[in-house]
Amino acid sequence: LTGDRYVVTNGKLRVAPAQRSDSGLYVCVAANMAGERESRGA
């Protein structure tokens, strides 16, 4: 997330501008000291 194309705000991922290489399977990962959970693949 260090570049300009990917931004995460309140959990939402924003990719701009989209490129064909952005096609793929995306998973949201939530983690704290108690553990880690993964969302369904989008």
PDB file of all heavy atoms in Angstrom:
ATOM      1  N   LEU A   1       0.801  -1.221   0.000  1.00  0.00           N
ATOM      2  CA  LEU A   1       0.000   0.000   0.000  1.00  0.00           C
ATOM      3  C   LEU A   1       0.833   1.270   0.000  1.00  0.00           C
ATOM      4  O   LEU A   1       0.303   2.361   0.223  1.00  0.00           O
ATOM      5  CB  LEU A   1      -0.932   0.007   1.217  1.00  0.00           C
ATOM      6  CG  LEU A   1      -1.880  -1.188   1.338  1.00  0.00           C
ATOM      7  CD1 LEU A   1      -2.710  -1.067   2.604  1.00  0.00           C
ATOM      8  CD2 LEU A   1      -2.774  -1.299   0.124  1.00  0.00           C
ATOM      9  N   THR A   2       2.131   1.161  -0.239  1.00  0.00           N
ATOM     10  CA  THR A   2       2.988   2.337  -0.177  1.00  0.00           C
ATOM     11  C   THR A   2       2.872   3.206  -1.424  1.00  0.00           C
ATOM     12  O   THR A   2       3.251   4.366  -1.402  1.00  0.00           O
ATOM     13  CB  THR A   2       4.456   1.919   0.011  1.00  0.00           C
ATOM     14  OG1 THR A   2       4.844   1.029  -1.059  1.00  0.00           O
ATOM     15  CG2 THR A   2       4.635   1.209   1.342  1.00  0.00           C
ATOM     16  N   GLY A   3       2.372   2.667  -2.525  1.00  0.00           N
ATOM     17  CA  GLY A   3       2.240   3.453  -3.749  1.00  0.00           C
ATOM     18  C   GLY A   3       0.988   4.311  -3.742  1.00  0.00           C
ATOM     19  O   GLY A   3       0.282   4.438  -2.747  1.00  0.00           O
ATOM     20  N   ASP A   4       0.683   4.910  -4.896  1.00  0.00           N
ATOM     21  CA  ASP A   4      -0.465   5.798  -5.019  1.00  0.00           C
ATOM     22  C   ASP A   4      -1.713   5.080  -5.522  1.00  0.00           C
ATOM     23  O   ASP A   4      -2.819   5.600  -5.378  1.00  0.00           O
ATOM     24  CB  ASP A   4      -0.144   6.947  -5.991  1.00  0.00           C
ATOM     25  CG  ASP A   4       0.966   7.845  -5.468  1.00  0.00           C
ATOM     26  OD1 ASP A   4       1.108   7.926  -4.239  1.00  0.00           O
ATOM     27  OD2 ASP A   4       1.676   8.449  -6.295  1.00  0.00           O
ATOM     28  N   ARG A   5      -1.577   3.898  -6.104  1.00  0.00           N
ATOM     29  CA  ARG A   5      -2.721   3.250  -6.752  1.00  0.00           C
ATOM     30  C   ARG A   5      -3.629   2.534  -5.766  1.00  0.00           C
ATOM     31  O   ARG A   5      -4.819   2.390  -6.008  1.00  0.00           O
ATOM     32  CB  ARG A   5      -2.233   2.259  -7.806  1.00  0.00           C
ATOM     33  CG  ARG A   5      -1.523   2.927  -8.978  1.00  0.00           C
ATOM     34  CD  ARG A   5      -1.194   1.945 -10.069  1.00  0.00           C
ATOM     35  NE  ARG A   5      -2.389   1.331 -10.598  1.00  0.00           N
ATOM     36  CZ  ARG A   5      -2.671   0.032 -10.487  1.00  0.00           C
ATOM     37  NH1 ARG A   5      -1.848  -0.775  -9.846  1.00  0.00           N
ATOM     38  NH2 ARG A   5      -3.781  -0.450 -11.002  1.00  0.00           N
ATOM     39  N   TYR A   6      -3.075   2.044  -4.661  1.00  0.00           N
ATOM     40  CA  TYR A   6      -3.876   1.308  -3.687  1.00  0.00           C
ATOM     41  C   TYR A   6      -4.079   2.156  -2.430  1.00  0.00           C
ATOM     42  O   TYR A   6      -3.112   2.617  -1.827  1.00  0.00           O
ATOM     43  CB  TYR A   6      -3.190  -0.008  -3.293  1.00  0.00           C
ATOM     44  CG  TYR A   6      -2.943  -0.945  -4.447  1.00  0.00           C
ATOM     45  CD1 TYR A   6      -1.648  -1.207  -4.886  1.00  0.00           C
ATOM     46  CD2 TYR A   6      -3.995  -1.585  -5.091  1.00  0.00           C
ATOM     47  CE1 TYR A   6      -1.408  -2.073  -5.935  1.00  0.00           C
ATOM     48  CE2 TYR A   6      -3.765  -2.460  -6.144  1.00  0.00           C
ATOM     49  CZ  TYR A   6      -2.467  -2.695  -6.562  1.00  0.00           C
ATOM     50  OH  TYR A   6      -2.237  -3.552  -7.604  1.00  0.00           O
ATOM     51  N   VAL A   7      -5.342   2.316  -2.042  1.00  0.00           N
ATOM     52  CA  VAL A   7      -5.674   3.064  -0.827  1.00  0.00           C
ATOM     53  C   VAL A   7      -6.729   2.274  -0.066  1.00  0.00           C
ATOM     54  O   VAL A   7      -7.730   1.845  -0.645  1.00  0.00           O
ATOM     55  CB  VAL A   7      -6.210   4.473  -1.151  1.00  0.00           C
ATOM     56  CG1 VAL A   7      -6.605   5.191   0.133  1.00  0.00           C
ATOM     57  CG2 VAL A   7      -5.160   5.287  -1.909  1.00  0.00           C
ATOM     58  N   VAL A   8      -6.508   2.075   1.236  1.00  0.00           N
ATOM     59  CA  VAL A   8      -7.489   1.417   2.098  1.00  0.00           C
ATOM     60  C   VAL A   8      -8.020   2.438   3.090  1.00  0.00           C
ATOM     61  O   VAL A   8      -7.257   3.032   3.855  1.00  0.00           O
ATOM     62  CB  VAL A   8      -6.868   0.215   2.843  1.00  0.00           C
ATOM     63  CG1 VAL A   8      -7.884  -0.393   3.810  1.00  0.00           C
ATOM     64  CG2 VAL A   8      -6.391  -0.846   1.850  1.00  0.00           C
ATOM     65  N   THR A   9      -9.346   2.655   3.057  1.00  0.00           N
ATOM     66  CA  THR A   9     -10.006   3.598   3.958  1.00  0.00           C
ATOM     67  C   THR A   9     -11.186   2.912   4.616  1.00  0.00           C
ATOM     68  O   THR A   9     -12.103   2.462   3.921  1.00  0.00           O
ATOM     69  CB  THR A   9     -10.498   4.839   3.193  1.00  0.00           C
ATOM     70  OG1 THR A   9      -9.394   5.421   2.478  1.00  0.00           O
ATOM     71  CG2 THR A   9     -11.072   5.870   4.151  1.00  0.00           C
ATOM     72  N   ASN A  10     -11.158   2.825   5.932  1.00  0.00           N
ATOM     73  CA  ASN A  10     -12.225   2.165   6.689  1.00  0.00           C
ATOM     74  C   ASN A  10     -12.505   0.762   6.147  1.00  0.00           C
ATOM     75  O   ASN A  10     -13.659   0.327   6.066  1.00  0.00           O
ATOM     76  CB  ASN A  10     -13.507   3.004   6.663  1.00  0.00           C
ATOM     77  CG  ASN A  10     -13.345   4.334   7.355  1.00  0.00           C
ATOM     78  OD1 ASN A  10     -12.593   4.449   8.319  1.00  0.00           O
ATOM     79  ND2 ASN A  10     -14.028   5.344   6.864  1.00  0.00           N
ATOM     80  N   GLY A  11     -11.448   0.066   5.758  1.00  0.00           N
ATOM     81  CA  GLY A  11     -11.591  -1.300   5.264  1.00  0.00           C
ATOM     82  C   GLY A  11     -11.770  -1.399   3.769  1.00  0.00           C
ATOM     83  O   GLY A  11     -11.478  -2.443   3.168  1.00  0.00           O
ATOM     84  N   LYS A  12     -12.268  -0.344   3.105  1.00  0.00           N
ATOM     85  CA  LYS A  12     -12.522  -0.382   1.662  1.00  0.00           C
ATOM     86  C   LYS A  12     -11.220  -0.213   0.882  1.00  0.00           C
ATOM     87  O   LYS A  12     -10.400   0.657   1.184  1.00  0.00           O
ATOM     88  CB  LYS A  12     -13.503   0.723   1.271  1.00  0.00           C
ATOM     89  CG  LYS A  12     -13.712   0.847  -0.243  1.00  0.00           C
ATOM     90  CD  LYS A  12     -14.529   2.053  -0.616  1.00  0.00           C
ATOM     91  CE  LYS A  12     -15.961   1.894  -0.228  1.00  0.00           C
ATOM     92  NZ  LYS A  12     -16.804   2.989  -0.740  1.00  0.00           N
ATOM     93  N   LEU A  13     -11.043  -1.070  -0.133  1.00  0.00           N
ATOM     94  CA  LEU A  13      -9.877  -0.978  -1.017  1.00  0.00           C
ATOM     95  C   LEU A  13     -10.257  -0.186  -2.258  1.00  0.00           C
ATOM     96  O   LEU A  13     -11.247  -0.489  -2.929  1.00  0.00           O
ATOM     97  CB  LEU A  13      -9.400  -2.370  -1.415  1.00  0.00           C
ATOM     98  CG  LEU A  13      -8.277  -2.418  -2.465  1.00  0.00           C
ATOM     99  CD1 LEU A  13      -6.995  -1.789  -1.930  1.00  0.00           C
ATOM    100  CD2 LEU A  13      -8.021  -3.851  -2.921  1.00  0.00           C
ATOM    101  N   ARG A  14      -9.439   0.826  -2.571  1.00  0.00           N
ATOM    102  CA  ARG A  14      -9.649   1.648  -3.768  1.00  0.00           C
ATOM    103  C   ARG A  14      -8.424   1.525  -4.658  1.00  0.00           C
ATOM    104  O   ARG A  14      -7.293   1.722  -4.194  1.00  0.00           O
ATOM    105  CB  ARG A  14      -9.878   3.105  -3.371  1.00  0.00           C
ATOM    106  CG  ARG A  14     -10.247   4.027  -4.529  1.00  0.00           C
ATOM    107  CD  ARG A  14     -10.538   5.433  -3.992  1.00  0.00           C
ATOM    108  NE  ARG A  14     -11.059   6.320  -5.011  1.00  0.00           N
ATOM    109  CZ  ARG A  14     -10.302   7.066  -5.819  1.00  0.00           C
ATOM    110  NH1 ARG A  14      -8.974   7.035  -5.706  1.00  0.00           N
ATOM    111  NH2 ARG A  14     -10.854   7.844  -6.722  1.00  0.00           N
ATOM    112  N   VAL A  15      -8.652   1.185  -5.922  1.00  0.00           N
ATOM    113  CA  VAL A  15      -7.578   1.039  -6.899  1.00  0.00           C
ATOM    114  C   VAL A  15      -7.853   2.007  -8.037  1.00  0.00           C
ATOM    115  O   VAL A  15      -8.906   1.942  -8.687  1.00  0.00           O
ATOM    116  CB  VAL A  15      -7.495  -0.399  -7.450  1.00  0.00           C
ATOM    117  CG1 VAL A  15      -6.288  -0.547  -8.375  1.00  0.00           C
ATOM    118  CG2 VAL A  15      -7.415  -1.404  -6.305  1.00  0.00           C
ATOM    119  N   ALA A  16      -6.919   2.923  -8.305  1.00  0.00           N
ATOM    120  CA  ALA A  16      -7.138   3.916  -9.352  1.00  0.00           C
ATOM    121  C   ALA A  16      -5.803   4.347  -9.956  1.00  0.00           C
ATOM    122  O   ALA A  16      -4.866   4.650  -9.218  1.00  0.00           O
ATOM    123  CB  ALA A  16      -7.874   5.132  -8.788  1.00  0.00           C
ATOM    124  N   PRO A  17      -5.725   4.380 -11.296  1.00  0.00           N
ATOM    125  CA  PRO A  17      -6.723   3.842 -12.221  1.00  0.00           C
ATOM    126  C   PRO A  17      -6.533   2.329 -12.367  1.00  0.00           C
ATOM    127  O   PRO A  17      -5.418   1.820 -12.198  1.00  0.00           O
ATOM    128  CB  PRO A  17      -6.401   4.577 -13.520  1.00  0.00           C
ATOM    129  CG  PRO A  17      -4.915   4.812 -13.445  1.00  0.00           C
ATOM    130  CD  PRO A  17      -4.607   5.046 -11.993  1.00  0.00           C
ATOM    131  N   ALA A  18      -7.598   1.624 -12.705  1.00  0.00           N
ATOM    132  CA  ALA A  18      -7.526   0.172 -12.845  1.00  0.00           C
ATOM    133  C   ALA A  18      -6.735  -0.210 -14.099  1.00  0.00           C
ATOM    134  O   ALA A  18      -6.818   0.454 -15.128  1.00  0.00           O
ATOM    135  CB  ALA A  18      -8.920  -0.424 -12.910  1.00  0.00           C
ATOM    136  N   GLN A  19      -5.973  -1.285 -13.984  1.00  0.00           N
ATOM    137  CA  GLN A  19      -5.222  -1.840 -15.103  1.00  0.00           C
ATOM    138  C   GLN A  19      -5.607  -3.303 -15.285  1.00  0.00           C
ATOM    139  O   GLN A  19      -6.135  -3.941 -14.364  1.00  0.00           O
ATOM    140  CB  GLN A  19      -3.719  -1.732 -14.841  1.00  0.00           C
ATOM    141  CG  GLN A  19      -3.228  -0.318 -14.607  1.00  0.00           C
ATOM    142  CD  GLN A  19      -1.764  -0.263 -14.217  1.00  0.00           C
ATOM    143  OE1 GLN A  19      -1.093  -1.291 -14.132  1.00  0.00           O
ATOM    144  NE2 GLN A  19      -1.257   0.943 -13.970  1.00  0.00           N
ATOM    145  N   ARG A  20      -5.348  -3.849 -16.464  1.00  0.00           N
ATOM    146  CA  ARG A  20      -5.706  -5.243 -16.698  1.00  0.00           C
ATOM    147  C   ARG A  20      -4.975  -6.169 -15.736  1.00  0.00           C
ATOM    148  O   ARG A  20      -5.484  -7.209 -15.359  1.00  0.00           O
ATOM    149  CB  ARG A  20      -5.383  -5.638 -18.140  1.00  0.00           C
ATOM    150  CG  ARG A  20      -6.229  -4.920 -19.181  1.00  0.00           C
ATOM    151  CD  ARG A  20      -6.236  -5.648 -20.500  1.00  0.00           C
ATOM    152  NE  ARG A  20      -6.858  -6.964 -20.385  1.00  0.00           N
ATOM    153  CZ  ARG A  20      -6.926  -7.843 -21.384  1.00  0.00           C
ATOM    154  NH1 ARG A  20      -6.390  -7.547 -22.559  1.00  0.00           N
ATOM    155  NH2 ARG A  20      -7.515  -9.008 -21.216  1.00  0.00           N
ATOM    156  N   SER A  21      -3.771  -5.764 -15.302  1.00  0.00           N
ATOM    157  CA  SER A  21      -3.013  -6.584 -14.358  1.00  0.00           C
ATOM    158  C   SER A  21      -3.659  -6.620 -12.976  1.00  0.00           C
ATOM    159  O   SER A  21      -3.256  -7.416 -12.129  1.00  0.00           O
ATOM    160  CB  SER A  21      -1.579  -6.065 -14.245  1.00  0.00           C
ATOM    161  OG  SER A  21      -1.562  -4.706 -13.819  1.00  0.00           O
ATOM    162  N   ASP A  22      -4.663  -5.761 -12.738  1.00  0.00           N
ATOM    163  CA  ASP A  22      -5.357  -5.784 -11.455  1.00  0.00           C
ATOM    164  C   ASP A  22      -6.384  -6.902 -11.372  1.00  0.00           C
ATOM    165  O   ASP A  22      -6.973  -7.117 -10.307  1.00  0.00           O
ATOM    166  CB  ASP A  22      -6.052  -4.439 -11.199  1.00  0.00           C
ATOM    167  CG  ASP A  22      -5.059  -3.311 -10.972  1.00  0.00           C
ATOM    168  OD1 ASP A  22      -4.035  -3.549 -10.320  1.00  0.00           O
ATOM    169  OD2 ASP A  22      -5.306  -2.189 -11.467  1.00  0.00           O
ATOM    170  N   SER A  23      -6.637  -7.602 -12.456  1.00  0.00           N
ATOM    171  CA  SER A  23      -7.550  -8.739 -12.418  1.00  0.00           C
ATOM    172  C   SER A  23      -6.991  -9.816 -11.494  1.00  0.00           C
ATOM    173  O   SER A  23      -5.777 -10.050 -11.451  1.00  0.00           O
ATOM    174  CB  SER A  23      -7.753  -9.315 -13.821  1.00  0.00           C
ATOM    175  OG  SER A  23      -8.327  -8.353 -14.687  1.00  0.00           O
ATOM    176  N   GLY A  24      -7.865 -10.457 -10.741  1.00  0.00           N
ATOM    177  CA  GLY A  24      -7.412 -11.509  -9.837  1.00  0.00           C
ATOM    178  C   GLY A  24      -8.393 -11.740  -8.714  1.00  0.00           C
ATOM    179  O   GLY A  24      -9.525 -11.232  -8.715  1.00  0.00           O
ATOM    180  N   LEU A  25      -7.960 -12.496  -7.719  1.00  0.00           N
ATOM    181  CA  LEU A  25      -8.779 -12.845  -6.563  1.00  0.00           C
ATOM    182  C   LEU A  25      -8.329 -12.016  -5.365  1.00  0.00           C
ATOM    183  O   LEU A  25      -7.179 -12.114  -4.935  1.00  0.00           O
ATOM    184  CB  LEU A  25      -8.661 -14.336  -6.252  1.00  0.00           C
ATOM    185  CG  LEU A  25      -9.543 -14.855  -5.112  1.00  0.00           C
ATOM    186  CD1 LEU A  25     -11.013 -14.797  -5.517  1.00  0.00           C
ATOM    187  CD2 LEU A  25      -9.151 -16.275  -4.734  1.00  0.00           C
ATOM    188  N   TYR A  26      -9.240 -11.213  -4.814  1.00  0.00           N
ATOM    189  CA  TYR A  26      -8.931 -10.326  -3.706  1.00  0.00           C
ATOM    190  C   TYR A  26      -9.587 -10.850  -2.422  1.00  0.00           C
ATOM    191  O   TYR A  26     -10.744 -11.288  -2.440  1.00  0.00           O
ATOM    192  CB  TYR A  26      -9.426  -8.916  -3.988  1.00  0.00           C
ATOM    193  CG  TYR A  26      -8.614  -8.180  -5.033  1.00  0.00           C
ATOM    194  CD1 TYR A  26      -8.761  -8.469  -6.383  1.00  0.00           C
ATOM    195  CD2 TYR A  26      -7.697  -7.206  -4.670  1.00  0.00           C
ATOM    196  CE1 TYR A  26      -8.034  -7.804  -7.350  1.00  0.00           C
ATOM    197  CE2 TYR A  26      -6.957  -6.521  -5.630  1.00  0.00           C
ATOM    198  CZ  TYR A  26      -7.124  -6.837  -6.965  1.00  0.00           C
ATOM    199  OH  TYR A  26      -6.391  -6.182  -7.916  1.00  0.00           O
ATOM    200  N   VAL A  27      -8.843 -10.786  -1.330  1.00  0.00           N
ATOM    201  CA  VAL A  27      -9.321 -11.235  -0.025  1.00  0.00           C
ATOM    202  C   VAL A  27      -9.059 -10.132   0.987  1.00  0.00           C
ATOM    203  O   VAL A  27      -7.963  -9.564   1.035  1.00  0.00           O
ATOM    204  CB  VAL A  27      -8.629 -12.538   0.413  1.00  0.00           C
ATOM    205  CG1 VAL A  27      -8.999 -12.899   1.846  1.00  0.00           C
ATOM    206  CG2 VAL A  27      -8.997 -13.683  -0.519  1.00  0.00           C
ATOM    207  N   CYS A  28     -10.067  -9.821   1.778  1.00  0.00           N
ATOM    208  CA  CYS A  28      -9.940  -8.856   2.871  1.00  0.00           C
ATOM    209  C   CYS A  28      -9.492  -9.603   4.126  1.00  0.00           C
ATOM    210  O   CYS A  28     -10.087 -10.628   4.488  1.00  0.00           O
ATOM    211  CB  CYS A  28     -11.283  -8.158   3.091  1.00  0.00           C
ATOM    212  SG  CYS A  28     -11.319  -7.013   4.475  1.00  0.00           S
ATOM    213  N   VAL A  29      -8.452  -9.103   4.782  1.00  0.00           N
ATOM    214  CA  VAL A  29      -7.885  -9.760   5.962  1.00  0.00           C
ATOM    215  C   VAL A  29      -8.050  -8.838   7.167  1.00  0.00           C
ATOM    216  O   VAL A  29      -7.632  -7.684   7.139  1.00  0.00           O
ATOM    217  CB  VAL A  29      -6.396 -10.087   5.751  1.00  0.00           C
ATOM    218  CG1 VAL A  29      -5.832 -10.813   6.979  1.00  0.00           C
ATOM    219  CG2 VAL A  29      -6.206 -10.933   4.495  1.00  0.00           C
ATOM    220  N   ALA A  30      -8.695  -9.355   8.220  1.00  0.00           N
ATOM    221  CA  ALA A  30      -8.872  -8.612   9.465  1.00  0.00           C
ATOM    222  C   ALA A  30      -8.047  -9.282  10.548  1.00  0.00           C
ATOM    223  O   ALA A  30      -8.129 -10.500  10.732  1.00  0.00           O
ATOM    224  CB  ALA A  30     -10.347  -8.572   9.871  1.00  0.00           C
ATOM    225  N   ALA A  31      -7.236  -8.519  11.264  1.00  0.00           N
ATOM    226  CA  ALA A  31      -6.346  -9.108  12.270  1.00  0.00           C
ATOM    227  C   ALA A  31      -6.225  -8.190  13.475  1.00  0.00           C
ATOM    228  O   ALA A  31      -6.195  -6.968  13.348  1.00  0.00           O
ATOM    229  CB  ALA A  31      -4.964  -9.376  11.667  1.00  0.00           C
ATOM    230  N   ASN A  32      -6.171  -8.800  14.645  1.00  0.00           N
ATOM    231  CA  ASN A  32      -5.801  -8.112  15.873  1.00  0.00           C
ATOM    232  C   ASN A  32      -5.029  -9.086  16.750  1.00  0.00           C
ATOM    233  O   ASN A  32      -4.634 -10.164  16.288  1.00  0.00           O
ATOM    234  CB  ASN A  32      -7.027  -7.518  16.596  1.00  0.00           C
ATOM    235  CG  ASN A  32      -7.979  -8.589  17.104  1.00  0.00           C
ATOM    236  OD1 ASN A  32      -7.714  -9.787  17.013  1.00  0.00           O
ATOM    237  ND2 ASN A  32      -9.099  -8.161  17.649  1.00  0.00           N
ATOM    238  N   MET A  33      -4.809  -8.719  18.000  1.00  0.00           N
ATOM    239  CA  MET A  33      -4.007  -9.566  18.888  1.00  0.00           C
ATOM    240  C   MET A  33      -4.652 -10.922  19.134  1.00  0.00           C
ATOM    241  O   MET A  33      -3.971 -11.895  19.480  1.00  0.00           O
ATOM    242  CB  MET A  33      -3.791  -8.843  20.224  1.00  0.00           C
ATOM    243  CG  MET A  33      -3.005  -7.548  20.101  1.00  0.00           C
ATOM    244  SD  MET A  33      -3.015  -6.597  21.641  1.00  0.00           S
ATOM    245  CE  MET A  33      -2.322  -7.804  22.767  1.00  0.00           C
ATOM    246  N   ALA A  34      -5.979 -11.006  18.930  1.00  0.00           N
ATOM    247  CA  ALA A  34      -6.691 -12.253  19.216  1.00  0.00           C
ATOM    248  C   ALA A  34      -6.653 -13.240  18.059  1.00  0.00           C
ATOM    249  O   ALA A  34      -6.950 -14.418  18.242  1.00  0.00           O
ATOM    250  CB  ALA A  34      -8.142 -11.947  19.576  1.00  0.00           C
ATOM    251  N   GLY A  35      -6.316 -12.772  16.856  1.00  0.00           N
ATOM    252  CA  GLY A  35      -6.283 -13.702  15.729  1.00  0.00           C
ATOM    253  C   GLY A  35      -6.431 -12.996  14.406  1.00  0.00           C
ATOM    254  O   GLY A  35      -6.280 -11.771  14.301  1.00  0.00           O
ATOM    255  N   GLU A  36      -6.761 -13.786  13.366  1.00  0.00           N
ATOM    256  CA  GLU A  36      -6.866 -13.270  12.000  1.00  0.00           C
ATOM    257  C   GLU A  36      -8.022 -13.956  11.298  1.00  0.00           C
ATOM    258  O   GLU A  36      -8.256 -15.152  11.478  1.00  0.00           O
ATOM    259  CB  GLU A  36      -5.558 -13.515  11.240  1.00  0.00           C
ATOM    260  CG  GLU A  36      -5.543 -12.984   9.814  1.00  0.00           C
ATOM    261  CD  GLU A  36      -4.188 -13.176   9.145  1.00  0.00           C
ATOM    262  OE1 GLU A  36      -3.214 -12.544   9.581  1.00  0.00           O
ATOM    263  OE2 GLU A  36      -4.107 -13.992   8.197  1.00  0.00           O
ATOM    264  N   ARG A  37      -8.763 -13.191  10.502  1.00  0.00           N
ATOM    265  CA  ARG A  37      -9.880 -13.721   9.728  1.00  0.00           C
ATOM    266  C   ARG A  37      -9.745 -13.256   8.283  1.00  0.00           C
ATOM    267  O   ARG A  37      -9.325 -12.128   8.029  1.00  0.00           O
ATOM    268  CB  ARG A  37     -11.224 -13.252  10.289  1.00  0.00           C
ATOM    269  CG  ARG A  37     -11.479 -13.637  11.740  1.00  0.00           C
ATOM    270  CD  ARG A  37     -11.833 -15.099  11.891  1.00  0.00           C
ATOM    271  NE  ARG A  37     -12.206 -15.390  13.269  1.00  0.00           N
ATOM    272  CZ  ARG A  37     -11.343 -15.775  14.206  1.00  0.00           C
ATOM    273  NH1 ARG A  37     -10.045 -15.891  13.899  1.00  0.00           N
ATOM    274  NH2 ARG A  37     -11.744 -16.031  15.442  1.00  0.00           N
ATOM    275  N   GLU A  38     -10.140 -14.134   7.347  1.00  0.00           N
ATOM    276  CA  GLU A  38     -10.126 -13.785   5.926  1.00  0.00           C
ATOM    277  C   GLU A  38     -11.545 -13.829   5.377  1.00  0.00           C
ATOM    278  O   GLU A  38     -12.320 -14.724   5.714  1.00  0.00           O
ATOM    279  CB  GLU A  38      -9.224 -14.730   5.125  1.00  0.00           C
ATOM    280  CG  GLU A  38      -7.747 -14.565   5.420  1.00  0.00           C
ATOM    281  CD  GLU A  38      -6.875 -15.311   4.419  1.00  0.00           C
ATOM    282  OE1 GLU A  38      -7.440 -16.023   3.562  1.00  0.00           O
ATOM    283  OE2 GLU A  38      -5.636 -15.186   4.500  1.00  0.00           O
ATOM    284  N   SER A  39     -11.867 -12.844   4.523  1.00  0.00           N
ATOM    285  CA  SER A  39     -13.181 -12.787   3.902  1.00  0.00           C
ATOM    286  C   SER A  39     -13.254 -13.802   2.756  1.00  0.00           C
ATOM    287  O   SER A  39     -12.274 -14.481   2.433  1.00  0.00           O
ATOM    288  CB  SER A  39     -13.441 -11.384   3.358  1.00  0.00           C
ATOM    289  OG  SER A  39     -12.615 -11.137   2.216  1.00  0.00           O
ATOM    290  N   ARG A  40     -14.419 -13.877   2.140  1.00  0.00           N
ATOM    291  CA  ARG A  40     -14.541 -14.654   0.908  1.00  0.00           C
ATOM    292  C   ARG A  40     -13.677 -14.004  -0.168  1.00  0.00           C
ATOM    293  O   ARG A  40     -13.363 -12.813  -0.102  1.00  0.00           O
ATOM    294  CB  ARG A  40     -15.995 -14.698   0.440  1.00  0.00           C
ATOM    295  CG  ARG A  40     -16.514 -13.325  -0.029  1.00  0.00           C
ATOM    296  CD  ARG A  40     -17.922 -13.392  -0.605  1.00  0.00           C
ATOM    297  NE  ARG A  40     -17.951 -14.109  -1.852  1.00  0.00           N
ATOM    298  CZ  ARG A  40     -17.732 -13.555  -3.050  1.00  0.00           C
ATOM    299  NH1 ARG A  40     -17.454 -12.260  -3.125  1.00  0.00           N
ATOM    300  NH2 ARG A  40     -17.787 -14.260  -4.136  1.00  0.00           N
ATOM    301  N   GLY A  41     -13.282 -14.778  -1.162  1.00  0.00           N
ATOM    302  CA  GLY A  41     -12.508 -14.232  -2.261  1.00  0.00           C
ATOM    303  C   GLY A  41     -13.408 -13.505  -3.253  1.00  0.00           C
ATOM    304  O   GLY A  41     -14.472 -14.010  -3.635  1.00  0.00           O
ATOM    305  N   ALA A  42     -13.016 -12.305  -3.647  1.00  0.00           N
ATOM    306  CA  ALA A  42     -13.763 -11.514  -4.628  1.00  0.00           C
ATOM    307  C   ALA A  42     -13.011 -11.555  -5.956  1.00  0.00           C
ATOM    308  O   ALA A  42     -11.845 -11.156  -6.033  1.00  0.00           O
ATOM    309  CB  ALA A  42     -13.932 -10.084  -4.147  1.00  0.00           C
TER     310      ALA A  42
END
